[in-house]
Amino acid sequence: MIDIATKIHDQFSIEFKVGFVTRRKMRRNDFSVYMWIFVPNSLDINPSTYSKADFYRDVKSNVRLITPRYLMRDIACGENSPAERLRQAMERMASDPTRTAIAEYENQIKIFAAIVKSALREEVVHISSGDQRVDDVRELCRAYCHNAQQILATFRRMRQIINTPTITAETRGSFHYGDEFMSYTLNQSTYRLIKWLAQDRAQYTEQIEQLSDLLRREGDYRKQMNYLMVDKEDRLENRNLIYTHGVLKKYVESALYLRVPKKRDGVMIEQIYLSIAAGLSMIFATIISFYFQQRYGNFTWPFFVVLVISYMGKDRIKELARYYFAHRKGSKYYDNKARISIGERTIGWIKEGVDFLQRNKIPQEVMRLREQQPIAPAERLIMDDKVLLYRKWVHIDREQLVAHNVYHTDGINDIIRLNVNNLIHKMDNPYISLPQIDEANQLYRVNCKKVYFLNIVMQYQYDGKTDYKRFRVSLSRAGIESIKEIK
């Protein structure tokens, strides 16, 4: 299965989170994702102004394991719970602090914190989905507070396990990094939940008070541990808080991110094609030379002229053949290939490629989706978008994936961020002033947004199934305005 979620990452970046979920009964899992990007012609994006190198500079891709999924109530309870696995790793490390034991302890801290973050996020999404009755929301909020406190209390009690002479202060520091990260994550998730409940404050006054008490107790703990906190008066402190959280986030998620070193794909085939092109041009030049040498003899003016012309033709044939083979290669091969590795073990690979496409090479289903729900009906008559096709092929060996993970994981997430800075250079000003007249016949002006629409159609295939998604991205000179899925 392929799961795709998208959001605005920042003012100039769109994020696509593509989840490749493997089937348990299949060892080899293959996925493909095609992304047709329709760029307005007025932005002057074409092969001569926007190269493949430009595109790959604008695209950032991070590959990570899908975070193991647990309900909040199951994280701190049970023999096989994340808390129990962490406890065992800490006890082994405290008794015998070898390099291997320390590495396992640090890895368990990171994964535990990542699981807590994911569980908090999913619980908040579940509560605020809008599908819950009022009584259910109240009970879910009560359970949220109880489970969050239980998880953090269970984790924090484990500190005594590693508070021994055998453990260095630096090694104990990993525990505090995970603790501070989870504290900050709990605050952010709880703030989001309170914000949603506050839309109907009369119904949820008691729940808002419970969640606020949770935040106050966590704030007291953060002060006790000297963790950074938001300060209304000290902007420098707040800057350091955001930076520290970013560092802790990278630290925790490093246990899930996979090594994906890229290299060019199809290099050997490319060299073979180029050799064939050179051979064809040499055959042409040799045949012409032999023919005129036999007819006019050596060291004659006609032979000299023909020899020069044959070499001129040879160079042109070589270039034309190179272009033809390069085009054929581009349609069958990818630009880059990367191994997906956990440590030194390869669990699969990813291939990616990008090309500009002519309209007659775009599948009809893609064009049908592109033409749906136009902003202006006349848009269908003047579609002159330039079309970029970004494609990926992902292969995962599930047997290797499972063999090298303590926790069960469903597959991998490929987080793709597309920066649009190169697309906005030739846009007009973000606002256009239009004149209006009031009741007293006085002219006044209204600022209206000037936007451009980037249309993205995605096709994803797995296990013989093909599905599509279409997104409309609103852009202006000031950056990304919105992103919407068109259904």
Protein backbone atom coordinates (compact mmCIF):
# COMPACT_ATOMS: atom_id res chain seq x y z
CA MET A 1 0.00 0.00 0.00
CA ILE A 2 1.08 3.59 -0.67
CA ASP A 3 -0.16 6.37 1.59
CA ILE A 4 0.33 10.01 0.56
CA ALA A 5 -0.12 13.06 2.79
CA THR A 6 0.79 16.61 1.86
CA LYS A 7 1.13 19.91 3.68
CA ILE A 8 2.80 23.30 3.50
CA HIS A 9 6.15 22.85 5.24
CA ASP A 10 7.12 26.50 5.18
CA GLN A 11 6.51 29.65 3.14
CA PHE A 12 8.33 28.27 0.09
CA SER A 13 8.18 24.48 0.49
CA ILE A 14 5.56 21.79 -0.09
CA GLU A 15 5.97 18.49 1.74
CA PHE A 16 4.79 15.14 0.41
CA LYS A 17 4.96 12.30 2.91
CA VAL A 18 4.81 9.08 0.91
CA GLY A 19 4.42 5.95 3.00
CA PHE A 20 5.43 2.66 1.39
CA VAL A 21 3.68 -0.01 3.49
CA THR A 22 4.93 -3.52 2.81
CA ARG A 23 2.81 -6.67 2.77
CA ARG A 24 3.80 -9.23 5.38
CA LYS A 25 3.38 -12.23 3.06
CA MET A 26 5.49 -10.73 0.27
CA ARG A 27 9.24 -10.67 0.62
CA ARG A 28 9.86 -8.33 -2.29
CA ASN A 29 7.70 -5.22 -2.44
CA ASP A 30 7.85 -2.84 -5.41
CA PHE A 31 6.22 0.58 -5.53
CA SER A 32 6.15 3.31 -8.16
CA VAL A 33 5.11 6.95 -7.83
CA TYR A 34 4.70 9.33 -10.78
CA MET A 35 4.25 13.04 -10.14
CA TRP A 36 3.18 15.26 -13.05
CA ILE A 37 3.82 18.91 -12.15
CA PHE A 38 1.90 21.38 -14.35
CA VAL A 39 3.68 24.76 -14.22
CA PRO A 40 1.98 27.89 -15.68
CA ASN A 41 3.62 28.91 -18.94
CA SER A 42 4.00 32.52 -17.74
CA LEU A 43 6.61 31.41 -15.19
CA ASP A 44 9.02 30.54 -18.03
CA ILE A 45 10.01 27.12 -16.70
CA ASN A 46 11.34 24.93 -19.52
CA PRO A 47 14.36 22.73 -20.29
CA SER A 48 16.53 25.72 -21.23
CA THR A 49 15.76 27.72 -18.03
CA TYR A 50 15.30 24.89 -15.53
CA SER A 51 17.62 21.91 -15.75
CA LYS A 52 17.55 18.57 -13.98
CA ALA A 53 20.26 19.85 -11.66
CA ASP A 54 18.00 22.80 -10.75
CA PHE A 55 15.14 20.44 -9.95
CA TYR A 56 17.24 18.17 -7.75
CA ARG A 57 18.52 21.23 -5.87
CA ASP A 58 14.90 22.18 -5.20
CA VAL A 59 13.87 18.69 -4.04
CA LYS A 60 14.95 17.35 -0.68
CA SER A 61 14.15 13.74 0.13
CA ASN A 62 14.50 12.03 3.52
CA VAL A 63 13.86 8.32 3.89
CA ARG A 64 12.94 6.93 7.30
CA LEU A 65 11.31 3.93 8.85
CA ILE A 66 7.62 4.30 9.62
CA THR A 67 7.39 4.91 13.37
CA PRO A 68 6.13 1.79 15.20
CA ARG A 69 2.47 2.42 16.08
CA TYR A 70 1.24 2.14 19.67
CA LEU A 71 -1.77 3.48 21.51
CA MET A 72 -0.88 5.83 24.35
CA ARG A 73 -2.37 3.38 26.87
CA ASP A 74 -0.05 0.57 25.65
CA ILE A 75 3.28 2.41 25.69
CA ALA A 76 4.02 2.05 29.42
CA CYS A 77 2.17 -1.23 30.14
CA GLY A 78 2.84 -4.86 29.25
CA GLU A 79 5.77 -7.24 28.88
CA ASN A 80 6.50 -6.24 25.27
CA SER A 81 5.71 -2.54 25.68
CA PRO A 82 8.23 0.10 24.54
CA ALA A 83 8.77 1.05 28.20
CA GLU A 84 9.67 -2.52 29.16
CA ARG A 85 12.05 -2.90 26.21
CA LEU A 86 13.73 0.36 27.20
CA ARG A 87 14.00 -0.77 30.83
CA GLN A 88 15.72 -4.01 29.79
CA ALA A 89 18.19 -2.15 27.57
CA MET A 90 19.00 0.27 30.42
CA GLU A 91 19.53 -2.54 32.94
CA ARG A 92 21.85 -4.42 30.56
CA MET A 93 23.83 -1.27 29.92
CA ALA A 94 24.07 -0.37 33.64
CA SER A 95 25.35 -3.86 34.49
CA ASP A 96 27.82 -4.07 31.61
CA PRO A 97 28.37 -0.70 29.84
CA THR A 98 30.02 -2.02 26.68
CA ARG A 99 29.97 0.00 23.49
CA THR A 100 27.26 -2.28 22.05
CA ALA A 101 25.10 -1.98 25.18
CA ILE A 102 25.42 1.82 25.20
CA ALA A 103 24.50 2.04 21.51
CA GLU A 104 21.41 -0.15 22.10
CA TYR A 105 20.38 1.97 25.11
CA GLU A 106 20.68 5.19 23.10
CA ASN A 107 18.74 3.65 20.20
CA GLN A 108 15.94 2.53 22.55
CA ILE A 109 15.73 6.04 24.06
CA LYS A 110 15.33 7.55 20.60
CA ILE A 111 12.72 5.05 19.41
CA PHE A 112 10.75 5.36 22.66
CA ALA A 113 10.62 9.16 22.29
CA ALA A 114 9.61 8.85 18.61
CA ILE A 115 6.81 6.41 19.53
CA VAL A 116 5.52 8.79 22.20
CA LYS A 117 5.53 11.71 19.75
CA SER A 118 3.62 9.70 17.14
CA ALA A 119 1.08 8.40 19.69
CA LEU A 120 0.42 11.91 21.05
CA ARG A 121 -0.11 13.27 17.55
CA GLU A 122 -2.48 10.47 16.53
CA GLU A 123 -4.48 10.79 19.76
CA VAL A 124 -4.97 14.53 19.24
CA VAL A 125 -6.02 13.95 15.63
CA HIS A 126 -8.48 11.27 16.77
CA ILE A 127 -10.05 13.49 19.44
CA SER A 128 -10.34 16.52 17.17
CA SER A 129 -11.57 14.60 14.11
CA GLY A 130 -15.11 15.95 14.52
CA ASP A 131 -16.59 12.43 14.51
CA GLN A 132 -16.81 12.19 18.30
CA ARG A 133 -19.78 12.84 20.55
CA VAL A 134 -19.35 15.40 23.34
CA ASP A 135 -19.26 12.69 26.04
CA ASP A 136 -16.68 10.72 24.06
CA VAL A 137 -14.45 13.79 23.69
CA ARG A 138 -14.60 14.38 27.44
CA GLU A 139 -13.63 10.78 28.19
CA LEU A 140 -10.86 10.80 25.57
CA CYS A 141 -9.40 14.00 27.05
CA ARG A 142 -9.42 12.46 30.53
CA ALA A 143 -7.65 9.36 29.17
CA TYR A 144 -5.17 11.57 27.27
CA CYS A 145 -4.13 13.34 30.49
CA HIS A 146 -3.91 10.08 32.45
CA ASN A 147 -1.90 8.20 29.81
CA ALA A 148 0.48 11.11 29.13
CA GLN A 149 1.30 11.42 32.83
CA GLN A 150 1.73 7.66 33.16
CA ILE A 151 4.11 7.47 30.19
CA LEU A 152 6.33 10.30 31.38
CA ALA A 153 6.28 9.15 35.01
CA THR A 154 7.25 5.61 34.00
CA PHE A 155 10.05 6.92 31.81
CA ARG A 156 11.39 9.33 34.44
CA ARG A 157 11.49 6.67 37.15
CA MET A 158 13.90 4.69 34.95
CA ARG A 159 16.53 7.35 35.51
CA GLN A 160 17.46 5.56 38.75
CA ILE A 161 18.53 2.51 36.74
CA ILE A 162 21.42 4.38 35.13
CA ASN A 163 22.27 6.57 38.13
CA THR A 164 25.23 4.32 38.96
CA PRO A 165 29.04 4.71 39.12
CA THR A 166 29.41 2.58 35.98
CA ILE A 167 27.60 5.13 33.77
CA THR A 168 29.26 8.35 32.65
CA ALA A 169 27.53 11.73 32.72
CA GLU A 170 27.71 11.84 28.92
CA THR A 171 25.85 8.52 28.63
CA ARG A 172 23.22 9.68 31.14
CA GLY A 173 22.79 12.76 28.96
CA SER A 174 20.99 10.70 26.30
CA PHE A 175 18.24 10.02 28.83
CA HIS A 176 17.75 13.75 29.44
CA TYR A 177 17.73 14.50 25.70
CA GLY A 178 14.84 12.07 25.26
CA ASP A 179 13.10 13.44 28.36
CA GLU A 180 13.30 17.07 27.21
CA PHE A 181 12.13 16.16 23.72
CA MET A 182 9.05 14.32 25.04
CA SER A 183 8.27 17.17 27.43
CA TYR A 184 8.31 19.70 24.59
CA THR A 185 6.30 17.36 22.34
CA LEU A 186 3.66 16.86 25.06
CA ASN A 187 3.31 20.63 25.41
CA GLN A 188 2.84 21.19 21.68
CA SER A 189 0.28 18.37 21.31
CA THR A 190 -1.66 19.59 24.35
CA TYR A 191 -1.73 23.17 23.08
CA ARG A 192 -3.19 21.94 19.78
CA LEU A 193 -5.87 19.99 21.63
CA ILE A 194 -6.80 22.97 23.84
CA LYS A 195 -7.02 25.19 20.77
CA TRP A 196 -9.53 22.81 19.22
CA LEU A 197 -11.58 22.46 22.42
CA ALA A 198 -11.65 26.23 22.82
CA GLN A 199 -13.88 26.49 19.75
CA ASP A 200 -16.67 25.21 22.00
CA ARG A 201 -15.40 26.33 25.39
CA ALA A 202 -18.80 26.07 27.11
CA GLN A 203 -18.98 22.33 26.37
CA TYR A 204 -15.41 21.54 27.36
CA THR A 205 -14.56 23.89 30.25
CA GLU A 206 -13.57 21.02 32.55
CA GLN A 207 -11.41 19.33 29.90
CA ILE A 208 -9.58 22.57 29.11
CA GLU A 209 -8.88 22.98 32.83
CA GLN A 210 -7.52 19.41 33.05
CA LEU A 211 -5.23 19.94 30.09
CA SER A 212 -4.09 23.32 31.41
CA ASP A 213 -3.19 21.70 34.74
CA LEU A 214 -1.17 19.11 32.80
CA LEU A 215 0.75 21.93 31.09
CA ARG A 216 1.37 23.74 34.39
CA ARG A 217 2.74 20.59 36.06
CA GLU A 218 4.96 19.94 33.06
CA GLY A 219 6.14 23.57 33.20
CA ASP A 220 7.11 23.12 36.86
CA TYR A 221 9.05 19.98 35.95
CA ARG A 222 10.86 21.77 33.13
CA LYS A 223 11.93 24.52 35.53
CA GLN A 224 13.14 21.91 38.01
CA MET A 225 15.23 20.23 35.27
CA ASN A 226 16.50 23.56 33.89
CA TYR A 227 15.03 22.86 30.47
CA LEU A 228 14.52 25.89 28.24
CA MET A 229 11.05 27.44 28.32
CA VAL A 230 9.20 30.16 26.42
CA ASP A 231 10.00 33.57 27.90
CA LYS A 232 7.81 36.54 26.98
CA GLU A 233 10.59 39.01 27.70
CA ASP A 234 13.68 37.21 26.45
CA ARG A 235 13.63 36.74 22.68
CA LEU A 236 17.14 35.28 22.70
CA GLU A 237 15.99 32.55 25.08
CA ASN A 238 13.06 31.73 22.79
CA ARG A 239 15.40 31.56 19.82
CA ASN A 240 17.57 29.07 21.68
CA LEU A 241 14.48 27.06 22.63
CA ILE A 242 13.43 26.61 18.99
CA TYR A 243 16.99 25.74 17.98
CA THR A 244 17.35 23.22 20.82
CA HIS A 245 14.07 21.54 19.92
CA GLY A 246 15.23 21.24 16.32
CA VAL A 247 18.45 19.57 17.46
CA LEU A 248 16.58 17.20 19.78
CA LYS A 249 14.13 16.30 17.01
CA LYS A 250 17.01 15.35 14.71
CA TYR A 251 18.65 13.41 17.54
CA VAL A 252 15.52 11.38 18.30
CA GLU A 253 14.55 10.73 14.68
CA SER A 254 18.10 9.67 13.74
CA ALA A 255 17.10 6.18 14.92
CA LEU A 256 14.50 6.04 12.16
CA TYR A 257 16.28 7.78 9.29
CA LEU A 258 17.95 5.47 6.80
CA ARG A 259 21.16 5.88 4.86
CA VAL A 260 20.35 6.51 1.20
CA PRO A 261 23.59 7.36 -0.68
CA LYS A 262 22.77 8.35 -4.26
CA LYS A 263 24.64 7.58 -7.44
CA ARG A 264 23.84 8.00 -11.13
CA ASP A 265 21.69 5.27 -12.61
CA GLY A 266 22.33 3.53 -15.95
CA VAL A 267 25.96 4.70 -16.26
CA MET A 268 27.07 1.51 -18.03
CA ILE A 269 24.15 1.66 -20.51
CA GLU A 270 24.92 5.31 -21.17
CA GLN A 271 28.54 4.50 -22.04
CA ILE A 272 27.43 1.69 -24.35
CA TYR A 273 25.04 4.05 -26.16
CA LEU A 274 27.77 6.68 -26.54
CA SER A 275 30.17 4.06 -27.88
CA ILE A 276 27.55 2.98 -30.44
CA ALA A 277 27.09 6.62 -31.50
CA ALA A 278 30.85 7.01 -31.96
CA GLY A 279 31.00 3.74 -33.91
CA LEU A 280 28.20 4.76 -36.31
CA SER A 281 29.88 8.07 -37.07
CA MET A 282 33.22 6.32 -37.67
CA ILE A 283 31.58 3.79 -40.04
CA PHE A 284 30.14 6.67 -42.08
CA ALA A 285 33.49 8.50 -42.32
CA THR A 286 35.42 5.32 -43.17
CA ILE A 287 33.04 4.24 -45.96
CA ILE A 288 33.14 7.68 -47.59
CA SER A 289 36.95 7.79 -47.34
CA PHE A 290 37.42 4.33 -48.84
CA TYR A 291 35.00 4.99 -51.70
CA PHE A 292 36.56 8.27 -52.84
CA GLN A 293 40.08 6.99 -52.27
CA GLN A 294 39.45 4.16 -54.74
CA ARG A 295 37.81 6.50 -57.25
CA TYR A 296 40.20 9.49 -57.14
CA GLY A 297 43.31 7.97 -55.56
CA ASN A 298 45.46 9.30 -52.73
CA PHE A 299 46.72 12.88 -52.48
CA THR A 300 44.19 14.42 -54.86
CA TRP A 301 42.12 17.55 -54.33
CA PRO A 302 38.73 15.81 -54.73
CA PHE A 303 39.75 13.21 -52.17
CA PHE A 304 40.96 15.92 -49.77
CA VAL A 305 37.66 17.84 -50.02
CA VAL A 306 35.56 14.71 -49.55
CA LEU A 307 37.71 13.67 -46.58
CA VAL A 308 37.03 17.03 -44.84
CA ILE A 309 33.29 16.80 -45.60
CA SER A 310 33.12 13.22 -44.33
CA TYR A 311 34.66 14.22 -41.01
CA MET A 312 32.21 17.13 -40.73
CA GLY A 313 29.36 14.66 -41.31
CA LYS A 314 30.93 12.24 -38.85
CA ASP A 315 30.78 14.79 -36.03
CA ARG A 316 27.14 15.64 -36.80
CA ILE A 317 26.12 11.97 -36.96
CA LYS A 318 27.87 11.36 -33.66
CA GLU A 319 26.00 14.20 -31.94
CA LEU A 320 22.64 13.21 -33.45
CA ALA A 321 23.15 9.61 -32.39
CA ARG A 322 24.16 10.70 -28.88
CA TYR A 323 20.98 12.80 -28.64
CA TYR A 324 18.82 9.92 -29.90
CA PHE A 325 20.27 7.39 -27.49
CA ALA A 326 20.16 9.85 -24.60
CA HIS A 327 16.45 10.34 -25.30
CA ARG A 328 15.85 6.59 -25.35
CA LYS A 329 17.81 6.18 -22.14
CA GLY A 330 15.85 8.95 -20.47
CA SER A 331 12.56 7.21 -21.20
CA LYS A 332 13.65 3.84 -19.80
CA TYR A 333 16.20 4.61 -17.09
CA TYR A 334 16.36 6.84 -14.03
CA ASP A 335 18.72 9.66 -13.14
CA ASN A 336 19.74 8.41 -9.70
CA LYS A 337 19.75 5.18 -7.76
CA ALA A 338 20.19 4.86 -3.99
CA ARG A 339 20.51 1.86 -1.70
CA ILE A 340 18.34 1.90 1.42
CA SER A 341 20.41 0.69 4.35
CA ILE A 342 19.99 0.01 8.05
CA GLY A 343 23.54 0.18 9.32
CA GLU A 344 25.54 -1.85 6.84
CA ARG A 345 22.59 -3.99 5.72
CA THR A 346 20.77 -3.18 2.49
CA ILE A 347 16.99 -3.52 2.73
CA GLY A 348 16.09 -2.12 -0.71
CA TRP A 349 16.70 0.68 -3.18
CA ILE A 350 15.11 3.79 -4.66
CA LYS A 351 15.39 5.11 -8.22
CA GLU A 352 14.33 8.60 -9.27
CA GLY A 353 14.17 10.54 -12.51
CA VAL A 354 12.76 13.82 -13.84
CA ASP A 355 11.98 15.00 -17.39
CA PHE A 356 9.97 17.64 -19.20
CA LEU A 357 7.12 16.04 -21.15
CA GLN A 358 5.22 16.97 -24.28
CA ARG A 359 1.44 16.96 -23.88
CA ASN A 360 0.91 14.05 -26.29
CA LYS A 361 2.95 11.81 -23.97
CA ILE A 362 0.82 12.50 -20.88
CA PRO A 363 -1.69 9.70 -20.09
CA GLN A 364 -5.34 10.58 -20.72
CA GLU A 365 -6.33 9.85 -17.13
CA VAL A 366 -3.78 12.38 -15.90
CA MET A 367 -5.05 15.02 -18.31
CA ARG A 368 -8.64 14.29 -17.26
CA LEU A 369 -7.75 14.90 -13.62
CA ARG A 370 -5.82 18.05 -14.52
CA GLU A 371 -8.84 19.49 -16.33
CA GLN A 372 -11.28 18.86 -13.49
CA GLN A 373 -12.69 21.79 -11.48
CA PRO A 374 -10.94 24.68 -13.24
CA ILE A 375 -10.89 28.04 -11.45
CA ALA A 376 -12.17 29.68 -14.64
CA PRO A 377 -14.09 27.62 -17.25
CA ALA A 378 -12.09 29.21 -20.08
CA GLU A 379 -8.95 27.72 -18.58
CA ARG A 380 -9.50 24.49 -20.52
CA LEU A 381 -9.14 26.38 -23.81
CA ILE A 382 -5.72 27.87 -23.07
CA MET A 383 -3.90 25.14 -21.17
CA ASP A 384 -0.28 25.80 -22.04
CA ASP A 385 1.39 24.52 -18.88
CA LYS A 386 4.89 23.16 -18.99
CA VAL A 387 4.86 19.64 -17.54
CA LEU A 388 7.55 18.07 -15.39
CA LEU A 389 7.38 14.35 -14.63
CA TYR A 390 9.12 13.26 -11.42
CA ARG A 391 9.08 9.50 -10.95
CA LYS A 392 10.25 7.10 -8.28
CA TRP A 393 10.59 3.34 -8.10
CA VAL A 394 11.01 1.85 -4.63
CA HIS A 395 11.98 -1.73 -3.87
CA ILE A 396 11.91 -3.09 -0.29
CA ASP A 397 13.00 -6.51 0.89
CA ARG A 398 10.60 -7.09 3.79
CA GLU A 399 12.59 -10.04 5.13
CA GLN A 400 15.65 -7.81 5.56
CA LEU A 401 13.52 -4.97 6.92
CA VAL A 402 12.06 -7.16 9.68
CA ALA A 403 15.32 -8.97 10.45
CA HIS A 404 17.14 -5.80 11.44
CA ASN A 405 14.48 -4.14 13.58
CA VAL A 406 13.63 -4.77 17.22
CA TYR A 407 10.21 -3.20 16.70
CA HIS A 408 7.69 -4.17 14.06
CA THR A 409 7.58 -1.54 11.33
CA ASP A 410 5.19 -1.36 8.41
CA GLY A 411 7.69 0.03 5.89
CA ILE A 412 9.32 3.34 5.09
CA ASN A 413 8.31 6.96 4.66
CA ASP A 414 9.85 9.02 1.87
CA ILE A 415 9.47 12.67 2.87
CA ILE A 416 9.81 14.84 -0.24
CA ARG A 417 10.07 18.61 0.08
CA LEU A 418 9.71 20.70 -3.07
CA ASN A 419 11.05 24.26 -2.81
CA VAL A 420 9.28 26.70 -5.16
CA ASN A 421 11.75 29.59 -5.01
CA ASN A 422 12.88 28.99 -8.58
CA LEU A 423 9.26 29.12 -9.78
CA ILE A 424 8.44 32.57 -8.42
CA HIS A 425 11.21 34.67 -9.99
CA LYS A 426 9.05 35.89 -12.87
CA MET A 427 5.79 36.32 -10.97
CA ASP A 428 4.02 39.68 -10.73
CA ASN A 429 3.67 41.54 -7.44
CA PRO A 430 1.62 39.60 -4.87
CA TYR A 431 -1.15 42.23 -4.85
CA ILE A 432 -2.89 44.13 -7.65
CA SER A 433 -4.83 47.28 -6.81
CA LEU A 434 -8.31 47.47 -8.43
CA PRO A 435 -10.45 50.65 -8.43
CA GLN A 436 -13.96 50.74 -6.89
CA ILE A 437 -16.53 53.48 -6.32
CA ASP A 438 -18.45 54.13 -3.08
CA GLU A 439 -21.96 55.50 -2.49
CA ALA A 440 -20.65 59.09 -2.63
CA ASN A 441 -19.16 58.43 -6.08
CA GLN A 442 -15.63 58.54 -4.63
CA LEU A 443 -12.99 56.23 -6.03
CA TYR A 444 -11.10 53.89 -3.74
CA ARG A 445 -8.84 50.94 -4.39
CA VAL A 446 -8.91 47.34 -3.18
CA ASN A 447 -5.79 45.20 -3.01
CA CYS A 448 -6.41 41.76 -4.59
CA LYS A 449 -4.05 38.82 -4.42
CA LYS A 450 -2.28 37.86 -7.61
CA VAL A 451 -1.85 34.08 -7.54
CA TYR A 452 -0.64 31.32 -9.84
CA PHE A 453 -1.76 27.70 -9.63
CA LEU A 454 0.59 24.76 -9.66
CA ASN A 455 -1.32 21.57 -10.46
CA ILE A 456 0.15 18.27 -9.33
CA VAL A 457 -1.23 14.87 -10.35
CA MET A 458 0.20 11.82 -8.62
CA GLN A 459 -0.11 8.24 -9.78
CA TYR A 460 0.97 5.50 -7.41
CA GLN A 461 1.13 1.79 -8.17
CA TYR A 462 1.57 -1.22 -5.91
CA ASP A 463 0.61 -4.88 -6.15
CA GLY A 464 -1.12 -4.38 -9.50
CA LYS A 465 -3.28 -1.50 -8.24
CA THR A 466 -3.16 2.06 -9.56
CA ASP A 467 -4.53 5.14 -7.77
CA TYR A 468 -4.40 8.87 -8.42
CA LYS A 469 -4.40 12.07 -6.41
CA ARG A 470 -4.50 15.66 -7.62
CA PHE A 471 -3.41 18.75 -5.70
CA ARG A 472 -3.79 22.43 -6.53
CA VAL A 473 -1.11 24.67 -5.04
CA SER A 474 -1.75 28.41 -4.88
CA LEU A 475 1.45 30.46 -5.25
CA SER A 476 2.25 34.14 -5.19
CA ARG A 477 5.42 36.21 -5.21
CA ALA A 478 5.23 36.05 -1.40
CA GLY A 479 5.29 32.25 -1.37
CA ILE A 480 2.78 29.41 -0.96
CA GLU A 481 -0.76 30.52 -0.20
CA SER A 482 -2.54 27.14 0.09
CA ILE A 483 -2.60 23.53 -1.04
CA LYS A 484 -5.82 21.62 -1.69
CA GLU A 485 -6.62 18.11 -2.85
CA ILE A 486 -9.04 18.08 -5.77
CA LYS A 487 -11.37 15.09 -5.62
